Amino acid sequence: MDEKLSLRYQLLSAWCGPAFLLTFILFWGLVGTNLPAPVSPALNPHDVAVRYLGSWTQMRVGFGISLITVVLYLPWTALLTVQMARIEGRFPVLSLLQLLGGGLTVLVVSLSAVFWAVAAFRPERNPSEMQLLNDLGWLCIDLQYACTTLQMYAAAAVGLADKRPTRLFPRWVCWLTIFCGTSFFPATLTGVTTTGAFAWDGVGSYYFPYFCWLCWYGVASLYMILEVRRRMAGVQTQDSTAPYSATQTAWHTKKPMDDRRTA
């Protein structure tokens, strides 16, 4: 594959970032009824069932589509891996760590959506079963945040080590990444509390860390797109100067021969 085509695929992968961001908020959040407020862990089985009965069609559509669009996270992660590996050099351990974290993030998000989709598939089932499926979905996505945090820490570490004149990420983005990855820590408490700021519908475990994660994702996507654009511009510049260089080489090669003939 030539470099121009490769860069086009890289640019497409970079734009998967904004595409994931928009579709996640729309289908996982709004259509799936996780925004503006998810099903509360404080609800009893009957109230949980009522919530699903009231919007089961919307939930089916939202989680069904989100299970498709979540894969947009994968090409974005693959591109970030390549861009990080270019900085790390021969032994891109942190780049591979970031790749694993991104892949596991997709798995965790997908599993949680599957549990909610199953609950919405038969909303007439026993309320205790509905509550169980809802609990499984939320505890699955919240208690396994470490996969995403690891991805973010690895990206930040490589970004801070970038000594090139034009860095992949500015230093402030790297520190923002560390902060956003750390914001997930309170989600550990979702497994032991059903009310308050650290329940899965609270500010500390839901709204703030999820906002931080999506904020980092959007900012990182911007700089990844800029990085690919710079490389595309570099290739274009090389191609535009190549005919001139070839002409100059041919002229300098031909001139001595002409001089000998004149002599």
C-alpha atoms as a PDB file:
ATOM      1  CA  MET A   1       0.000   0.000   0.000  1.00  0.00           C
ATOM      2  CA  ASP A   2       1.407   3.395  -0.960  1.00  0.00           C
ATOM      3  CA  GLU A   3       1.781   6.102   1.654  1.00  0.00           C
ATOM      4  CA  LYS A   4      -0.965   8.337   0.275  1.00  0.00           C
ATOM      5  CA  LEU A   5      -3.593   5.609   0.523  1.00  0.00           C
ATOM      6  CA  SER A   6      -2.366   4.644   3.982  1.00  0.00           C
ATOM      7  CA  LEU A   7      -2.728   8.230   5.158  1.00  0.00           C
ATOM      8  CA  ARG A   8      -6.272   8.370   3.815  1.00  0.00           C
ATOM      9  CA  TYR A   9      -7.166   5.348   5.913  1.00  0.00           C
ATOM     10  CA  GLN A  10      -5.455   6.958   8.895  1.00  0.00           C
ATOM     11  CA  LEU A  11      -7.499  10.125   8.422  1.00  0.00           C
ATOM     12  CA  LEU A  12     -10.671   8.041   8.212  1.00  0.00           C
ATOM     13  CA  SER A  13      -9.690   6.291  11.441  1.00  0.00           C
ATOM     14  CA  ALA A  14      -9.071   9.649  13.116  1.00  0.00           C
ATOM     15  CA  TRP A  15     -12.535  10.876  12.133  1.00  0.00           C
ATOM     16  CA  CYS A  16     -13.989   7.754  13.737  1.00  0.00           C
ATOM     17  CA  GLY A  17     -13.307   9.615  16.987  1.00  0.00           C
ATOM     18  CA  PRO A  18     -15.867  12.405  16.492  1.00  0.00           C
ATOM     19  CA  ALA A  19     -18.236   9.860  14.940  1.00  0.00           C
ATOM     20  CA  PHE A  20     -18.035   7.653  18.030  1.00  0.00           C
ATOM     21  CA  LEU A  21     -18.464  10.656  20.297  1.00  0.00           C
ATOM     22  CA  LEU A  22     -21.680  11.785  18.613  1.00  0.00           C
ATOM     23  CA  THR A  23     -23.231   8.335  18.220  1.00  0.00           C
ATOM     24  CA  PHE A  24     -22.373   7.331  21.789  1.00  0.00           C
ATOM     25  CA  ILE A  25     -24.087  10.375  23.244  1.00  0.00           C
ATOM     26  CA  LEU A  26     -27.062   9.999  20.904  1.00  0.00           C
ATOM     27  CA  PHE A  27     -27.778   6.256  20.990  1.00  0.00           C
ATOM     28  CA  TRP A  28     -26.175   5.016  24.222  1.00  0.00           C
ATOM     29  CA  GLY A  29     -27.138   8.142  26.098  1.00  0.00           C
ATOM     30  CA  LEU A  30     -30.274   9.845  24.814  1.00  0.00           C
ATOM     31  CA  VAL A  31     -32.074   7.109  22.874  1.00  0.00           C
ATOM     32  CA  GLY A  32     -30.996   4.423  25.360  1.00  0.00           C
ATOM     33  CA  THR A  33     -32.380   6.626  28.184  1.00  0.00           C
ATOM     34  CA  ASN A  34     -29.060   6.796  30.065  1.00  0.00           C
ATOM     35  CA  LEU A  35     -29.328  10.557  29.605  1.00  0.00           C
ATOM     36  CA  PRO A  36     -30.439  12.763  31.186  1.00  0.00           C
ATOM     37  CA  ALA A  37     -30.778  10.218  34.033  1.00  0.00           C
ATOM     38  CA  PRO A  38     -30.191   6.437  34.030  1.00  0.00           C
ATOM     39  CA  VAL A  39     -32.260   3.871  35.907  1.00  0.00           C
ATOM     40  CA  SER A  40     -31.456   4.526  39.564  1.00  0.00           C
ATOM     41  CA  PRO A  41     -29.873   1.746  41.669  1.00  0.00           C
ATOM     42  CA  ALA A  42     -32.179   2.858  44.504  1.00  0.00           C
ATOM     43  CA  LEU A  43     -35.311   1.716  42.633  1.00  0.00           C
ATOM     44  CA  ASN A  44     -37.056  -1.471  43.736  1.00  0.00           C
ATOM     45  CA  PRO A  45     -37.631  -4.287  41.208  1.00  0.00           C
ATOM     46  CA  HIS A  46     -41.152  -3.109  40.365  1.00  0.00           C
ATOM     47  CA  ASP A  47     -40.030   0.457  39.602  1.00  0.00           C
ATOM     48  CA  VAL A  48     -37.150  -0.796  37.477  1.00  0.00           C
ATOM     49  CA  ALA A  49     -39.589  -2.901  35.455  1.00  0.00           C
ATOM     50  CA  VAL A  50     -41.918   0.077  35.056  1.00  0.00           C
ATOM     51  CA  ARG A  51     -39.015   2.153  33.696  1.00  0.00           C
ATOM     52  CA  TYR A  52     -38.240  -0.479  31.077  1.00  0.00           C
ATOM     53  CA  LEU A  53     -41.913  -1.004  30.208  1.00  0.00           C
ATOM     54  CA  GLY A  54     -42.282   2.699  29.600  1.00  0.00           C
ATOM     55  CA  SER A  55     -39.481   2.950  27.023  1.00  0.00           C
ATOM     56  CA  TRP A  56     -38.625  -0.573  25.891  1.00  0.00           C
ATOM     57  CA  THR A  57     -38.831   0.240  22.161  1.00  0.00           C
ATOM     58  CA  GLN A  58     -36.575   3.261  22.543  1.00  0.00           C
ATOM     59  CA  MET A  59     -34.099   1.225  24.575  1.00  0.00           C
ATOM     60  CA  ARG A  60     -34.000  -1.538  21.986  1.00  0.00           C
ATOM     61  CA  VAL A  61     -33.191   0.947  19.248  1.00  0.00           C
ATOM     62  CA  GLY A  62     -30.668   2.893  21.305  1.00  0.00           C
ATOM     63  CA  PHE A  63     -28.664  -0.023  22.637  1.00  0.00           C
ATOM     64  CA  GLY A  64     -28.973  -1.992  19.401  1.00  0.00           C
ATOM     65  CA  ILE A  65     -27.433   0.806  17.349  1.00  0.00           C
ATOM     66  CA  SER A  66     -24.874   1.677  20.026  1.00  0.00           C
ATOM     67  CA  LEU A  67     -23.605  -1.899  19.861  1.00  0.00           C
ATOM     68  CA  ILE A  68     -22.790  -1.249  16.205  1.00  0.00           C
ATOM     69  CA  THR A  69     -21.332   2.239  16.499  1.00  0.00           C
ATOM     70  CA  VAL A  70     -19.163   1.367  19.513  1.00  0.00           C
ATOM     71  CA  VAL A  71     -16.743  -0.329  17.087  1.00  0.00           C
ATOM     72  CA  LEU A  72     -15.787   3.140  15.838  1.00  0.00           C
ATOM     73  CA  TYR A  73     -13.603   3.232  18.953  1.00  0.00           C
ATOM     74  CA  LEU A  74     -11.419   0.459  17.478  1.00  0.00           C
ATOM     75  CA  PRO A  75      -9.976   2.134  14.346  1.00  0.00           C
ATOM     76  CA  TRP A  76      -9.435   5.274  16.412  1.00  0.00           C
ATOM     77  CA  THR A  77      -7.516   3.245  18.998  1.00  0.00           C
ATOM     78  CA  ALA A  78      -5.509   1.516  16.268  1.00  0.00           C
ATOM     79  CA  LEU A  79      -4.467   4.872  14.813  1.00  0.00           C
ATOM     80  CA  LEU A  80      -3.486   6.201  18.237  1.00  0.00           C
ATOM     81  CA  THR A  81      -1.371   3.066  18.689  1.00  0.00           C
ATOM     82  CA  VAL A  82       0.480   3.725  15.428  1.00  0.00           C
ATOM     83  CA  GLN A  83       1.038   7.391  16.256  1.00  0.00           C
ATOM     84  CA  MET A  84       2.325   6.510  19.727  1.00  0.00           C
ATOM     85  CA  ALA A  85       4.584   3.751  18.385  1.00  0.00           C
ATOM     86  CA  ARG A  86       6.212   6.263  16.062  1.00  0.00           C
ATOM     87  CA  ILE A  87       7.234   8.201  19.178  1.00  0.00           C
ATOM     88  CA  GLU A  88       8.281   5.176  21.269  1.00  0.00           C
ATOM     89  CA  GLY A  89      10.488   3.583  18.649  1.00  0.00           C
ATOM     90  CA  ARG A  90      11.600  -0.046  18.594  1.00  0.00           C
ATOM     91  CA  PHE A  91       9.856  -1.278  21.731  1.00  0.00           C
ATOM     92  CA  PRO A  92       6.345   0.300  21.831  1.00  0.00           C
ATOM     93  CA  VAL A  93       5.204  -1.262  25.097  1.00  0.00           C
ATOM     94  CA  LEU A  94       2.998   1.668  26.095  1.00  0.00           C
ATOM     95  CA  SER A  95       1.485   1.813  22.618  1.00  0.00           C
ATOM     96  CA  LEU A  96       0.464  -1.829  22.844  1.00  0.00           C
ATOM     97  CA  LEU A  97      -0.852  -1.267  26.350  1.00  0.00           C
ATOM     98  CA  GLN A  98      -3.013   1.548  25.030  1.00  0.00           C
ATOM     99  CA  LEU A  99      -4.251  -0.745  22.245  1.00  0.00           C
ATOM    100  CA  LEU A 100      -5.290  -3.408  24.737  1.00  0.00           C
ATOM    101  CA  GLY A 101      -7.012  -0.829  26.940  1.00  0.00           C
ATOM    102  CA  GLY A 102      -8.975   0.531  23.985  1.00  0.00           C
ATOM    103  CA  GLY A 103     -10.048  -2.935  22.850  1.00  0.00           C
ATOM    104  CA  LEU A 104     -11.181  -3.902  26.336  1.00  0.00           C
ATOM    105  CA  THR A 105     -13.081  -0.610  26.632  1.00  0.00           C
ATOM    106  CA  VAL A 106     -15.141  -1.593  23.598  1.00  0.00           C
ATOM    107  CA  LEU A 107     -15.785  -5.017  25.127  1.00  0.00           C
ATOM    108  CA  VAL A 108     -16.927  -3.576  28.466  1.00  0.00           C
ATOM    109  CA  VAL A 109     -19.206  -0.965  26.886  1.00  0.00           C
ATOM    110  CA  SER A 110     -20.661  -3.615  24.578  1.00  0.00           C
ATOM    111  CA  LEU A 111     -21.359  -6.100  27.371  1.00  0.00           C
ATOM    112  CA  SER A 112     -23.210  -3.508  29.433  1.00  0.00           C
ATOM    113  CA  ALA A 113     -25.378  -2.538  26.460  1.00  0.00           C
ATOM    114  CA  VAL A 114     -26.145  -6.212  25.812  1.00  0.00           C
ATOM    115  CA  PHE A 115     -27.483  -6.645  29.357  1.00  0.00           C
ATOM    116  CA  TRP A 116     -29.775  -3.632  28.964  1.00  0.00           C
ATOM    117  CA  ALA A 117     -30.877  -4.746  25.507  1.00  0.00           C
ATOM    118  CA  VAL A 118     -31.795  -8.178  26.905  1.00  0.00           C
ATOM    119  CA  ALA A 119     -33.825  -6.527  29.665  1.00  0.00           C
ATOM    120  CA  ALA A 120     -35.685  -4.390  27.099  1.00  0.00           C
ATOM    121  CA  PHE A 121     -36.248  -7.392  24.826  1.00  0.00           C
ATOM    122  CA  ARG A 122     -38.772  -8.965  27.243  1.00  0.00           C
ATOM    123  CA  PRO A 123     -39.974  -6.146  29.511  1.00  0.00           C
ATOM    124  CA  GLU A 124     -42.811  -8.340  30.785  1.00  0.00           C
ATOM    125  CA  ARG A 125     -40.395 -10.680  32.563  1.00  0.00           C
ATOM    126  CA  ASN A 126     -40.195 -10.985  36.349  1.00  0.00           C
ATOM    127  CA  PRO A 127     -39.264  -7.579  37.891  1.00  0.00           C
ATOM    128  CA  SER A 128     -36.455  -9.180  39.913  1.00  0.00           C
ATOM    129  CA  GLU A 129     -34.902 -10.429  36.687  1.00  0.00           C
ATOM    130  CA  MET A 130     -35.226  -6.974  35.151  1.00  0.00           C
ATOM    131  CA  GLN A 131     -33.431  -5.485  38.127  1.00  0.00           C
ATOM    132  CA  LEU A 132     -30.699  -8.124  37.893  1.00  0.00           C
ATOM    133  CA  LEU A 133     -30.043  -7.388  34.202  1.00  0.00           C
ATOM    134  CA  ASN A 134     -30.015  -3.659  34.845  1.00  0.00           C
ATOM    135  CA  ASP A 135     -27.563  -4.119  37.738  1.00  0.00           C
ATOM    136  CA  LEU A 136     -25.315  -6.312  35.606  1.00  0.00           C
ATOM    137  CA  GLY A 137     -25.135  -3.672  32.904  1.00  0.00           C
ATOM    138  CA  TRP A 138     -24.191  -0.831  35.204  1.00  0.00           C
ATOM    139  CA  LEU A 139     -21.760  -2.709  37.412  1.00  0.00           C
ATOM    140  CA  CYS A 140     -20.120  -4.172  34.322  1.00  0.00           C
ATOM    141  CA  ILE A 141     -19.361  -0.790  32.790  1.00  0.00           C
ATOM    142  CA  ASP A 142     -18.539   1.039  36.030  1.00  0.00           C
ATOM    143  CA  LEU A 143     -16.409  -1.463  37.936  1.00  0.00           C
ATOM    144  CA  GLN A 144     -14.180  -2.223  34.929  1.00  0.00           C
ATOM    145  CA  TYR A 145     -13.166   1.365  34.241  1.00  0.00           C
ATOM    146  CA  ALA A 146      -9.498   0.460  34.795  1.00  0.00           C
ATOM    147  CA  CYS A 147      -9.226  -0.712  31.167  1.00  0.00           C
ATOM    148  CA  THR A 148      -9.974   2.796  29.935  1.00  0.00           C
ATOM    149  CA  THR A 149      -7.873   4.470  32.618  1.00  0.00           C
ATOM    150  CA  LEU A 150      -4.903   2.326  31.587  1.00  0.00           C
ATOM    151  CA  GLN A 151      -5.402   3.343  27.971  1.00  0.00           C
ATOM    152  CA  MET A 152      -5.424   7.009  28.923  1.00  0.00           C
ATOM    153  CA  TYR A 153      -2.399   6.795  31.211  1.00  0.00           C
ATOM    154  CA  ALA A 154      -0.362   5.054  28.481  1.00  0.00           C
ATOM    155  CA  ALA A 155      -1.299   7.722  25.930  1.00  0.00           C
ATOM    156  CA  ALA A 156      -0.356  10.483  28.363  1.00  0.00           C
ATOM    157  CA  ALA A 157       3.016   8.904  29.217  1.00  0.00           C
ATOM    158  CA  VAL A 158       4.026   8.648  25.559  1.00  0.00           C
ATOM    159  CA  GLY A 159       2.749  12.150  24.858  1.00  0.00           C
ATOM    160  CA  LEU A 160       4.867  13.599  27.655  1.00  0.00           C
ATOM    161  CA  ALA A 161       7.934  11.759  26.295  1.00  0.00           C
ATOM    162  CA  ASP A 162       7.433  13.178  22.790  1.00  0.00           C
ATOM    163  CA  LYS A 163      10.484  15.372  22.052  1.00  0.00           C
ATOM    164  CA  ARG A 164       9.707  16.180  18.423  1.00  0.00           C
ATOM    165  CA  PRO A 165       9.427  19.838  17.351  1.00  0.00           C
ATOM    166  CA  THR A 166       5.731  19.324  16.619  1.00  0.00           C
ATOM    167  CA  ARG A 167       4.328  17.051  19.293  1.00  0.00           C
ATOM    168  CA  LEU A 168       1.417  14.666  18.892  1.00  0.00           C
ATOM    169  CA  PHE A 169      -0.259  16.121  21.993  1.00  0.00           C
ATOM    170  CA  PRO A 170       0.622  19.365  23.787  1.00  0.00           C
ATOM    171  CA  ARG A 171       1.707  18.842  27.367  1.00  0.00           C
ATOM    172  CA  TRP A 172      -1.562  20.271  28.713  1.00  0.00           C
ATOM    173  CA  VAL A 173      -3.473  17.583  26.815  1.00  0.00           C
ATOM    174  CA  CYS A 174      -1.304  14.890  28.419  1.00  0.00           C
ATOM    175  CA  TRP A 175      -1.997  16.229  31.912  1.00  0.00           C
ATOM    176  CA  LEU A 176      -5.696  16.512  31.053  1.00  0.00           C
ATOM    177  CA  THR A 177      -5.587  12.859  29.990  1.00  0.00           C
ATOM    178  CA  ILE A 178      -4.138  11.799  33.342  1.00  0.00           C
ATOM    179  CA  PHE A 179      -6.733  13.835  35.203  1.00  0.00           C
ATOM    180  CA  CYS A 180      -9.600  12.404  33.158  1.00  0.00           C
ATOM    181  CA  GLY A 181      -8.340   8.842  33.594  1.00  0.00           C
ATOM    182  CA  THR A 182      -8.135   9.358  37.354  1.00  0.00           C
ATOM    183  CA  SER A 183     -11.679  10.759  37.471  1.00  0.00           C
ATOM    184  CA  PHE A 184     -13.010   7.205  37.122  1.00  0.00           C
ATOM    185  CA  PHE A 185     -11.687   6.092  40.508  1.00  0.00           C
ATOM    186  CA  PRO A 186     -14.878   6.967  42.462  1.00  0.00           C
ATOM    187  CA  ALA A 187     -16.788   4.545  40.217  1.00  0.00           C
ATOM    188  CA  THR A 188     -15.355   1.755  42.380  1.00  0.00           C
ATOM    189  CA  LEU A 189     -17.973   2.750  44.972  1.00  0.00           C
ATOM    190  CA  THR A 190     -20.855   1.913  42.637  1.00  0.00           C
ATOM    191  CA  GLY A 191     -20.537  -1.661  43.834  1.00  0.00           C
ATOM    192  CA  VAL A 192     -21.259  -0.749  47.448  1.00  0.00           C
ATOM    193  CA  THR A 193     -23.719   2.157  47.363  1.00  0.00           C
ATOM    194  CA  THR A 194     -27.123   2.760  45.788  1.00  0.00           C
ATOM    195  CA  THR A 195     -27.638   6.429  46.639  1.00  0.00           C
ATOM    196  CA  GLY A 196     -25.630   9.629  46.683  1.00  0.00           C
ATOM    197  CA  ALA A 197     -22.857  11.084  44.551  1.00  0.00           C
ATOM    198  CA  PHE A 198     -21.002   7.788  44.168  1.00  0.00           C
ATOM    199  CA  ALA A 199     -23.930   5.607  43.091  1.00  0.00           C
ATOM    200  CA  TRP A 200     -23.940   4.760  39.396  1.00  0.00           C
ATOM    201  CA  ASP A 201     -26.364   7.618  38.728  1.00  0.00           C
ATOM    202  CA  GLY A 202     -24.445  10.116  40.874  1.00  0.00           C
ATOM    203  CA  VAL A 203     -22.237  13.038  39.918  1.00  0.00           C
ATOM    204  CA  GLY A 204     -19.026  11.471  41.207  1.00  0.00           C
ATOM    205  CA  SER A 205     -19.368   8.091  39.520  1.00  0.00           C
ATOM    206  CA  TYR A 206     -21.378   8.917  36.412  1.00  0.00           C
ATOM    207  CA  TYR A 207     -21.765  12.480  35.151  1.00  0.00           C
ATOM    208  CA  PHE A 208     -18.302  13.805  35.994  1.00  0.00           C
ATOM    209  CA  PRO A 209     -16.089  10.861  34.922  1.00  0.00           C
ATOM    210  CA  TYR A 210     -18.105  10.157  31.780  1.00  0.00           C
ATOM    211  CA  PHE A 211     -17.914  13.832  30.837  1.00  0.00           C
ATOM    212  CA  CYS A 212     -14.142  13.779  31.451  1.00  0.00           C
ATOM    213  CA  TRP A 213     -13.696  10.647  29.337  1.00  0.00           C
ATOM    214  CA  LEU A 214     -15.634  12.072  26.382  1.00  0.00           C
ATOM    215  CA  CYS A 215     -13.896  15.431  26.762  1.00  0.00           C
ATOM    216  CA  TRP A 216     -10.469  13.740  26.547  1.00  0.00           C
ATOM    217  CA  TYR A 217     -11.652  11.648  23.618  1.00  0.00           C
ATOM    218  CA  GLY A 218     -12.773  14.707  21.678  1.00  0.00           C
ATOM    219  CA  VAL A 219      -9.589  16.686  22.362  1.00  0.00           C
ATOM    220  CA  ALA A 220      -7.340  13.733  21.510  1.00  0.00           C
ATOM    221  CA  SER A 221      -9.279  13.171  18.278  1.00  0.00           C
ATOM    222  CA  LEU A 222      -8.606  16.767  17.223  1.00  0.00           C
ATOM    223  CA  TYR A 223      -4.841  16.452  17.648  1.00  0.00           C
ATOM    224  CA  MET A 224      -4.786  13.037  15.979  1.00  0.00           C
ATOM    225  CA  ILE A 225      -6.539  14.500  12.939  1.00  0.00           C
ATOM    226  CA  LEU A 226      -4.028  17.364  12.862  1.00  0.00           C
ATOM    227  CA  GLU A 227      -1.148  14.877  13.016  1.00  0.00           C
ATOM    228  CA  VAL A 228      -2.440  12.964   9.999  1.00  0.00           C
ATOM    229  CA  ARG A 229      -3.042  16.216   8.122  1.00  0.00           C
ATOM    230  CA  ARG A 230       0.571  17.268   8.737  1.00  0.00           C
ATOM    231  CA  ARG A 231       1.865  13.984   7.373  1.00  0.00           C
ATOM    232  CA  MET A 232      -0.389  14.264   4.319  1.00  0.00           C
ATOM    233  CA  ALA A 233       0.897  17.782   3.697  1.00  0.00           C
ATOM    234  CA  GLY A 234       4.482  16.517   3.983  1.00  0.00           C
ATOM    235  CA  VAL A 235       3.895  13.810   1.382  1.00  0.00           C
ATOM    236  CA  GLN A 236       2.241  16.305  -0.937  1.00  0.00           C
ATOM    237  CA  THR A 237       5.199  18.658  -0.602  1.00  0.00           C
ATOM    238  CA  GLN A 238       7.631  15.855  -1.430  1.00  0.00           C
ATOM    239  CA  ASP A 239       5.621  14.920  -4.517  1.00  0.00           C
ATOM    240  CA  SER A 240       5.514  18.524  -5.734  1.00  0.00           C
ATOM    241  CA  THR A 241       9.306  18.927  -5.424  1.00  0.00           C
ATOM    242  CA  ALA A 242      10.167  15.510  -6.875  1.00  0.00           C
ATOM    243  CA  PRO A 243       9.912  16.507 -10.599  1.00  0.00           C
ATOM    244  CA  TYR A 244      12.156  19.542  -9.969  1.00  0.00           C
ATOM    245  CA  SER A 245      14.727  17.369  -8.178  1.00  0.00           C
ATOM    246  CA  ALA A 246      14.671  14.817 -10.992  1.00  0.00           C
ATOM    247  CA  THR A 247      15.221  17.568 -13.578  1.00  0.00           C
ATOM    248  CA  GLN A 248      18.123  19.003 -11.609  1.00  0.00           C
ATOM    249  CA  THR A 249      19.740  15.557 -11.308  1.00  0.00           C
ATOM    250  CA  ALA A 250      19.365  14.901 -15.021  1.00  0.00           C
ATOM    251  CA  TRP A 251      20.856  18.320 -15.873  1.00  0.00           C
ATOM    252  CA  HIS A 252      23.914  17.856 -13.675  1.00  0.00           C
ATOM    253  CA  THR A 253      24.457  14.372 -15.110  1.00  0.00           C
ATOM    254  CA  LYS A 254      24.135  15.570 -18.696  1.00  0.00           C
ATOM    255  CA  LYS A 255      26.271  18.700 -18.440  1.00  0.00           C
ATOM    256  CA  PRO A 256      29.704  16.996 -18.011  1.00  0.00           C
ATOM    257  CA  MET A 257      29.004  14.807 -21.031  1.00  0.00           C
ATOM    258  CA  ASP A 258      28.162  17.866 -23.120  1.00  0.00           C
ATOM    259  CA  ASP A 259      31.347  19.574 -21.951  1.00  0.00           C
ATOM    260  CA  ARG A 260      33.448  16.594 -23.032  1.00  0.00           C
ATOM    261  CA  ARG A 261      31.831  16.610 -26.471  1.00  0.00           C
ATOM    262  CA  THR A 262      32.576  20.326 -26.863  1.00  0.00           C
ATOM    263  CA  ALA A 263      36.189  19.767 -25.886  1.00  0.00           C
END
